[in-house]
Amino acid sequence: MKEAIRAKALELGFAEARFAPAAPVPGAAPGLAGYLAAGCHGEMAWMAETAERRAQPRALWPEAASVIVLGENYGPGRHPLAALDHPDRGHISVYARGRDYHDVLKKRLKALARWLVERHGGEVKVFSDTAPVMEKPLAAVAGLGWQGRHTNLVSQRFGSWLFLGEVFTTLEIPPDPPEGDHCGRCRACETSCPTGALVEGRIDPRRCVSYLTIEHKGHIPRELRALMGNRIYGCDDCLAVCPWNKFAVPTAHADYLPRAELLAPRLADLASLDDEAFRSFFSASPIKRIGRDRFLRNVLIALGNSTDPAFAPVARRMVGDASPLVRGSAIWALRRLLPIDDFTALRALLAGEESDAAVALEWGEV
């Protein structure tokens, strides 16, 4: 039965299929508790709200006996950090350049689950990312790989480029052996982090560019903005430098192939998007979920980091935007793009027109 399930998973397009008991992962619960107690989850309140279910698979579903852990390869076919060399363009994380993997992965998980019930019986539940499942510890226990010092899963076959999903089942399936840690003394991921969010195998999301550009809803802390460069959605630095990526292979899934317009989009073009255009442009993309205002906040920070005065008119247009988040980011960008005298003159011209405290602060911080 076990090998039949694995064979079916590969037939459906999964790159890996391994098995784990539906039992607590050793060390995962206290590790999560300490992480939450230190406030490292930032604004991600759902991590604390679901901590009990997250730490114990059977708290999520008491009848579960085994977990089938699936991996899908989304390896890039070109250098993942190439856009960082072009400050007039935006860097989008590899995983977000194609279709939203949540939709693609869930569909394939459901197909495997249906086949499993029809062929071998039992009951099933499927999960992918959005559910309170500690996916990476489970994947390590199942032998898909190990949690690297960047805290993501590393595979000897696919490097750092695996999406994860799970099928919980009431069937008793013998587990696979866990994968040991193969990071050794390597610290490439830690030293590559642009904001210093990785320390000794632990991540502080409050400094992580992926968290700041995706999960963080407000103004990004001033001291971190210049460190973000042109990263406008996510960050791949720590994944891309992992030496195990030498074994990675480009994905064969059409849904995960990058849209040409998302490989290195022009920042000036993105800054012109209104809400309707944003929704249309990012249809079926995970980027759509953060909304136009947060996305333009990221784009304007990248424009400011370009230090190219030619972008000043683009940022100037956004000073009148309806969103305080966009307006404040536009002001910050202008302060980096305009000569100090021109910025001071603009501030004087528009003095008294801004009632939002956070945006007014941007004007005052010269």
Protein backbone atom coordinates (compact mmCIF):
# COMPACT_ATOMS: atom_id res chain seq x y z
CA MET A 1 0.00 0.00 0.00
CA LYS A 2 2.76 2.42 0.91
CA GLU A 3 4.60 2.07 -2.38
CA ALA A 4 1.32 2.21 -4.32
CA ILE A 5 0.52 5.54 -2.65
CA ARG A 6 3.98 6.87 -3.43
CA ALA A 7 3.71 5.76 -7.06
CA LYS A 8 0.29 7.42 -7.42
CA ALA A 9 1.60 10.65 -5.93
CA LEU A 10 4.46 10.76 -8.43
CA GLU A 11 2.01 9.95 -11.23
CA LEU A 12 -0.09 12.96 -10.20
CA GLY A 13 2.96 15.20 -10.49
CA PHE A 14 4.35 15.37 -6.98
CA ALA A 15 8.14 15.32 -6.77
CA GLU A 16 8.28 13.57 -3.38
CA ALA A 17 5.96 11.50 -1.20
CA ARG A 18 7.00 10.38 2.27
CA PHE A 19 5.22 9.15 5.38
CA ALA A 20 5.17 10.20 9.04
CA PRO A 21 3.10 9.23 12.08
CA ALA A 22 0.38 11.67 13.12
CA ALA A 23 2.25 12.35 16.34
CA PRO A 24 3.96 15.39 17.86
CA VAL A 25 7.31 16.18 16.28
CA PRO A 26 9.97 16.02 19.03
CA GLY A 27 10.95 19.52 20.13
CA ALA A 28 8.50 21.29 17.82
CA ALA A 29 5.94 22.33 20.45
CA PRO A 30 8.40 23.87 22.96
CA GLY A 31 10.25 25.51 20.08
CA LEU A 32 7.04 27.10 18.85
CA ALA A 33 6.08 28.18 22.38
CA GLY A 34 9.42 29.92 22.88
CA TYR A 35 9.16 31.56 19.48
CA LEU A 36 5.72 32.97 20.28
CA ALA A 37 6.72 34.05 23.80
CA ALA A 38 9.55 36.11 22.31
CA GLY A 39 7.07 37.85 20.01
CA CYS A 40 8.92 36.70 16.92
CA HIS A 41 5.66 36.12 15.04
CA GLY A 42 5.10 39.86 14.74
CA GLU A 43 1.63 40.65 13.38
CA MET A 44 0.93 37.01 12.51
CA ALA A 45 -1.54 36.57 15.35
CA TRP A 46 -2.90 33.39 13.77
CA MET A 47 0.28 31.59 14.81
CA ALA A 48 -0.52 32.13 18.49
CA GLU A 49 -4.24 31.53 18.05
CA THR A 50 -3.64 28.10 16.48
CA ALA A 51 -0.56 27.11 18.49
CA GLU A 52 -2.19 24.15 20.24
CA ARG A 53 -3.44 22.59 17.01
CA ARG A 54 -0.23 23.47 15.21
CA ALA A 55 1.99 21.61 17.68
CA GLN A 56 0.00 18.36 17.67
CA PRO A 57 -1.41 16.82 14.46
CA ARG A 58 -4.08 14.92 16.38
CA ALA A 59 -5.25 18.14 18.01
CA LEU A 60 -6.12 19.21 14.49
CA TRP A 61 -7.80 15.86 13.73
CA PRO A 62 -7.93 13.30 16.58
CA GLU A 63 -8.64 10.35 14.26
CA ALA A 64 -5.49 10.82 12.20
CA ALA A 65 -3.03 7.92 12.30
CA SER A 66 -0.57 8.78 9.51
CA VAL A 67 0.49 11.77 7.46
CA ILE A 68 1.49 11.57 3.80
CA VAL A 69 3.83 14.51 3.24
CA LEU A 70 4.06 15.66 -0.38
CA GLY A 71 6.59 17.92 -2.04
CA GLU A 72 6.23 19.79 -5.33
CA ASN A 73 9.29 21.12 -7.11
CA TYR A 74 9.13 24.78 -8.12
CA GLY A 75 12.84 25.15 -8.92
CA PRO A 76 13.66 28.18 -11.10
CA GLY A 77 15.11 27.75 -14.56
CA ARG A 78 17.29 30.84 -14.28
CA HIS A 79 19.25 32.59 -11.54
CA PRO A 80 16.67 33.49 -8.91
CA LEU A 81 18.37 36.75 -7.86
CA ALA A 82 19.05 38.20 -11.31
CA ALA A 83 16.59 41.09 -10.87
CA LEU A 84 18.55 42.41 -7.87
CA ASP A 85 21.15 43.73 -10.33
CA HIS A 86 18.56 46.03 -11.96
CA PRO A 87 17.42 48.71 -9.50
CA ASP A 88 14.83 50.07 -11.95
CA ARG A 89 13.00 46.75 -11.80
CA GLY A 90 11.36 44.77 -9.03
CA HIS A 91 12.44 41.46 -7.56
CA ILE A 92 9.57 39.04 -6.93
CA SER A 93 10.15 35.82 -5.02
CA VAL A 94 10.42 32.74 -7.24
CA TYR A 95 7.36 31.07 -5.73
CA ALA A 96 5.11 34.02 -6.68
CA ARG A 97 6.10 34.37 -10.33
CA GLY A 98 3.62 31.75 -11.56
CA ARG A 99 0.12 30.72 -10.53
CA ASP A 100 -0.86 30.69 -6.87
CA TYR A 101 0.55 27.40 -5.60
CA HIS A 102 -2.14 27.08 -2.95
CA ASP A 103 -4.77 26.44 -5.61
CA VAL A 104 -2.59 24.14 -7.70
CA LEU A 105 -1.30 22.08 -4.78
CA LYS A 106 -4.68 21.70 -3.07
CA LYS A 107 -6.23 20.33 -6.28
CA ARG A 108 -3.53 17.69 -6.59
CA LEU A 109 -3.75 16.80 -2.90
CA LYS A 110 -7.49 16.22 -3.23
CA ALA A 111 -6.95 13.97 -6.24
CA LEU A 112 -4.52 11.81 -4.26
CA ALA A 113 -6.87 11.74 -1.26
CA ARG A 114 -9.81 10.60 -3.39
CA TRP A 115 -7.74 7.85 -4.96
CA LEU A 116 -6.51 6.73 -1.53
CA VAL A 117 -10.03 6.35 -0.14
CA GLU A 118 -11.28 4.58 -3.25
CA ARG A 119 -8.34 2.16 -3.33
CA HIS A 120 -7.49 1.60 0.35
CA GLY A 121 -10.38 3.04 2.40
CA GLY A 122 -10.05 5.06 5.57
CA GLU A 123 -10.80 8.76 6.01
CA VAL A 124 -8.68 11.69 4.86
CA LYS A 125 -8.14 15.42 5.27
CA VAL A 126 -5.83 17.53 3.10
CA PHE A 127 -3.80 20.58 4.14
CA SER A 128 -1.48 23.02 2.39
CA ASP A 129 0.23 25.96 4.03
CA THR A 130 -2.83 27.91 5.18
CA ALA A 131 -3.84 25.25 7.77
CA PRO A 132 -2.26 25.10 11.26
CA VAL A 133 0.19 22.31 10.41
CA MET A 134 3.91 22.43 11.24
CA GLU A 135 4.78 21.39 7.72
CA LYS A 136 8.55 21.69 7.79
CA PRO A 137 9.10 19.65 10.99
CA LEU A 138 6.67 17.01 9.66
CA ALA A 139 8.49 16.93 6.32
CA ALA A 140 11.81 16.42 8.12
CA VAL A 141 10.37 13.58 10.22
CA ALA A 142 9.01 12.01 7.02
CA GLY A 143 12.42 12.22 5.35
CA LEU A 144 11.75 14.82 2.63
CA GLY A 145 14.69 16.85 3.88
CA TRP A 146 15.75 18.87 6.91
CA GLN A 147 15.15 22.37 8.18
CA GLY A 148 18.14 24.37 7.11
CA ARG A 149 19.61 27.30 8.98
CA HIS A 150 17.30 29.53 6.94
CA THR A 151 14.45 27.60 8.67
CA ASN A 152 13.07 26.33 5.37
CA LEU A 153 13.18 22.74 4.18
CA VAL A 154 16.28 21.62 2.28
CA SER A 155 16.21 18.54 0.06
CA GLN A 156 19.21 16.67 -1.23
CA ARG A 157 17.34 16.26 -4.53
CA PHE A 158 15.62 19.63 -4.94
CA GLY A 159 17.56 22.07 -2.79
CA SER A 160 15.38 24.76 -1.22
CA TRP A 161 12.64 24.74 -3.85
CA LEU A 162 9.80 22.54 -2.57
CA PHE A 163 6.17 23.38 -1.87
CA LEU A 164 4.72 21.19 0.88
CA GLY A 165 1.29 19.65 1.37
CA GLU A 166 -0.15 16.90 3.55
CA VAL A 167 -2.79 14.21 3.43
CA PHE A 168 -3.85 13.13 6.92
CA THR A 169 -5.37 9.64 6.98
CA THR A 170 -6.84 7.21 9.49
CA LEU A 171 -4.87 4.42 7.81
CA GLU A 172 -1.84 3.04 9.64
CA ILE A 173 1.07 3.46 7.24
CA PRO A 174 4.66 2.59 8.24
CA PRO A 175 6.69 5.81 8.49
CA ASP A 176 9.79 6.62 6.48
CA PRO A 177 13.06 7.33 8.30
CA PRO A 178 13.69 11.00 9.12
CA GLU A 179 16.33 13.05 7.32
CA GLY A 180 19.34 14.25 9.30
CA ASP A 181 20.72 17.77 9.21
CA HIS A 182 23.31 18.29 6.46
CA CYS A 183 24.01 22.01 6.87
CA GLY A 184 27.23 21.35 8.77
CA ARG A 185 29.23 24.50 9.36
CA CYS A 186 27.75 26.36 6.39
CA ARG A 187 26.36 29.82 7.21
CA ALA A 188 25.74 31.05 3.66
CA CYS A 189 22.05 31.69 4.26
CA GLU A 190 22.65 33.67 7.44
CA THR A 191 25.31 35.90 5.95
CA SER A 192 23.23 36.53 2.81
CA CYS A 193 20.18 37.91 4.65
CA PRO A 194 19.93 41.61 3.69
CA THR A 195 18.37 42.64 7.01
CA GLY A 196 20.11 40.25 9.42
CA ALA A 197 16.91 38.36 10.21
CA LEU A 198 18.68 34.98 10.51
CA VAL A 199 20.75 34.19 13.59
CA GLU A 200 21.86 30.71 14.65
CA GLY A 201 19.17 28.87 12.74
CA ARG A 202 16.36 31.10 13.94
CA ILE A 203 14.48 33.76 12.03
CA ASP A 204 13.04 36.99 13.32
CA PRO A 205 10.20 37.76 10.86
CA ARG A 206 10.06 41.34 12.11
CA ARG A 207 13.31 41.88 10.19
CA CYS A 208 12.61 39.44 7.35
CA VAL A 209 11.93 41.03 3.95
CA SER A 210 9.39 38.33 3.09
CA TYR A 211 7.41 39.12 6.24
CA LEU A 212 7.75 42.88 5.78
CA THR A 213 6.63 42.91 2.15
CA ILE A 214 3.82 40.34 2.51
CA GLU A 215 2.49 39.98 6.07
CA HIS A 216 3.25 43.40 7.57
CA LYS A 217 0.28 45.70 7.04
CA GLY A 218 1.60 49.10 8.06
CA HIS A 219 4.60 51.31 7.37
CA ILE A 220 7.82 49.30 7.21
CA PRO A 221 10.29 50.29 9.96
CA ARG A 222 12.43 53.13 8.70
CA GLU A 223 15.75 51.49 9.59
CA LEU A 224 14.98 48.48 7.36
CA ARG A 225 13.75 50.19 4.20
CA ALA A 226 17.12 50.95 2.65
CA LEU A 227 18.18 47.34 3.24
CA MET A 228 15.31 45.98 1.16
CA GLY A 229 16.74 47.10 -2.17
CA ASN A 230 14.27 46.36 -4.98
CA ARG A 231 12.63 43.36 -3.30
CA ILE A 232 8.93 44.13 -3.75
CA TYR A 233 7.37 40.76 -2.86
CA GLY A 234 9.24 38.23 -0.78
CA CYS A 235 12.96 37.52 -0.68
CA ASP A 236 14.93 34.55 -1.99
CA ASP A 237 18.44 35.44 -0.87
CA CYS A 238 18.77 32.82 1.88
CA LEU A 239 17.23 30.10 -0.30
CA ALA A 240 19.18 30.95 -3.43
CA VAL A 241 22.65 30.77 -1.83
CA CYS A 242 22.16 27.30 -0.32
CA PRO A 243 24.90 24.98 -1.70
CA TRP A 244 22.39 22.11 -1.92
CA ASN A 245 20.73 23.92 -4.81
CA LYS A 246 23.43 22.48 -7.06
CA PHE A 247 21.24 19.38 -7.16
CA ALA A 248 18.04 21.32 -7.86
CA VAL A 249 16.27 20.95 -11.19
CA PRO A 250 13.91 23.43 -12.87
CA THR A 251 10.24 22.69 -12.36
CA ALA A 252 8.36 20.90 -15.11
CA HIS A 253 4.95 22.15 -13.91
CA ALA A 254 3.52 24.74 -16.29
CA ASP A 255 1.62 26.39 -13.41
CA TYR A 256 4.88 27.14 -11.59
CA LEU A 257 6.71 28.55 -14.59
CA PRO A 258 7.21 32.32 -14.30
CA ARG A 259 5.04 34.78 -16.14
CA ALA A 260 7.38 36.83 -18.30
CA GLU A 261 6.02 40.09 -16.91
CA LEU A 262 6.87 39.02 -13.34
CA LEU A 263 10.52 38.10 -13.90
CA ALA A 264 11.77 41.68 -13.59
CA PRO A 265 8.86 44.12 -13.89
CA ARG A 266 9.53 47.83 -14.32
CA LEU A 267 8.96 49.65 -11.05
CA ALA A 268 7.54 52.72 -12.81
CA ASP A 269 4.90 50.59 -14.52
CA LEU A 270 3.89 48.91 -11.26
CA ALA A 271 3.59 52.27 -9.48
CA SER A 272 0.87 53.33 -11.92
CA LEU A 273 -1.53 50.51 -10.97
CA ASP A 274 -4.88 51.50 -9.49
CA ASP A 275 -6.90 48.94 -7.56
CA GLU A 276 -8.71 47.53 -10.58
CA ALA A 277 -5.53 47.28 -12.65
CA PHE A 278 -3.69 45.66 -9.73
CA ARG A 279 -6.35 42.98 -9.36
CA SER A 280 -6.38 42.30 -13.08
CA PHE A 281 -2.60 42.20 -13.46
CA PHE A 282 -2.13 39.83 -10.51
CA SER A 283 -5.14 37.62 -11.19
CA ALA A 284 -4.40 33.99 -10.10
CA SER A 285 -1.20 35.21 -8.42
CA PRO A 286 -0.46 34.99 -4.67
CA ILE A 287 0.57 38.66 -4.86
CA LYS A 288 -3.07 39.63 -5.24
CA ARG A 289 -3.86 38.81 -1.61
CA ILE A 290 -1.75 41.62 -0.10
CA GLY A 291 -3.74 44.26 -1.94
CA ARG A 292 -2.73 47.20 -4.05
CA ASP A 293 -1.79 49.60 -1.22
CA ARG A 294 0.70 47.28 0.49
CA PHE A 295 2.18 46.33 -2.87
CA LEU A 296 2.66 49.97 -3.90
CA ARG A 297 4.26 50.64 -0.51
CA ASN A 298 6.87 48.03 -1.47
CA VAL A 299 7.29 49.41 -4.99
CA LEU A 300 7.83 52.96 -3.72
CA ILE A 301 10.47 51.82 -1.24
CA ALA A 302 12.24 50.09 -4.13
CA LEU A 303 11.99 53.28 -6.20
CA GLY A 304 13.57 55.23 -3.35
CA ASN A 305 16.33 52.67 -3.04
CA SER A 306 17.16 53.07 -6.74
CA THR A 307 18.36 56.63 -5.90
CA ASP A 308 17.63 57.49 -9.54
CA PRO A 309 16.23 61.06 -9.74
CA ALA A 310 14.39 60.09 -12.93
CA PHE A 311 11.87 58.26 -10.73
CA ALA A 312 11.01 61.38 -8.71
CA PRO A 313 8.00 62.30 -10.92
CA VAL A 314 6.60 58.78 -10.42
CA ALA A 315 6.83 59.08 -6.63
CA ARG A 316 5.54 62.69 -6.76
CA ARG A 317 2.28 61.52 -8.36
CA MET A 318 1.72 59.07 -5.49
CA VAL A 319 1.90 61.80 -2.81
CA GLY A 320 -1.75 62.51 -3.59
CA ASP A 321 -2.86 58.87 -3.36
CA ALA A 322 -5.96 58.03 -1.32
CA SER A 323 -4.00 55.56 0.84
CA PRO A 324 -1.90 56.99 3.72
CA LEU A 325 0.35 53.94 3.39
CA VAL A 326 1.10 54.80 -0.24
CA ARG A 327 1.45 58.52 0.46
CA GLY A 328 3.94 57.98 3.27
CA SER A 329 6.02 55.60 1.17
CA ALA A 330 6.01 58.07 -1.72
CA ILE A 331 7.31 60.83 0.56
CA TRP A 332 10.09 58.58 1.83
CA ALA A 333 11.03 57.73 -1.76
CA LEU A 334 11.10 61.40 -2.74
CA ARG A 335 13.43 62.20 0.13
CA ARG A 336 15.92 59.75 -1.40
CA LEU A 337 15.34 60.80 -5.00
CA LEU A 338 15.26 64.59 -4.79
CA PRO A 339 18.04 67.02 -3.84
CA ILE A 340 17.41 68.23 -0.29
CA ASP A 341 16.45 71.74 -1.44
CA ASP A 342 13.84 70.39 -3.86
CA PHE A 343 12.40 68.08 -1.22
CA THR A 344 12.23 70.91 1.31
CA ALA A 345 10.46 73.10 -1.24
CA LEU A 346 7.93 70.37 -1.97
CA ARG A 347 7.29 69.91 1.75
CA ALA A 348 6.67 73.63 2.11
CA LEU A 349 4.34 73.64 -0.89
CA LEU A 350 2.19 70.90 0.58
CA ALA A 351 2.49 71.96 4.22
CA GLY A 352 -0.67 71.61 6.27
CA GLU A 353 -2.40 69.28 3.81
CA GLU A 354 -1.56 66.05 5.63
CA SER A 355 -3.54 65.04 8.70
CA ASP A 356 -2.39 61.43 8.95
CA ALA A 357 0.22 61.31 11.74
CA ALA A 358 2.36 58.59 10.15
CA VAL A 359 2.49 60.42 6.83
CA ALA A 360 3.19 63.74 8.50
CA LEU A 361 6.12 62.07 10.22
CA GLU A 362 7.55 61.14 6.83
CA TRP A 363 7.56 64.82 5.86
CA GLY A 364 9.35 65.78 9.05
CA GLU A 365 12.08 63.10 8.91
CA VAL A 366 14.65 64.71 6.62
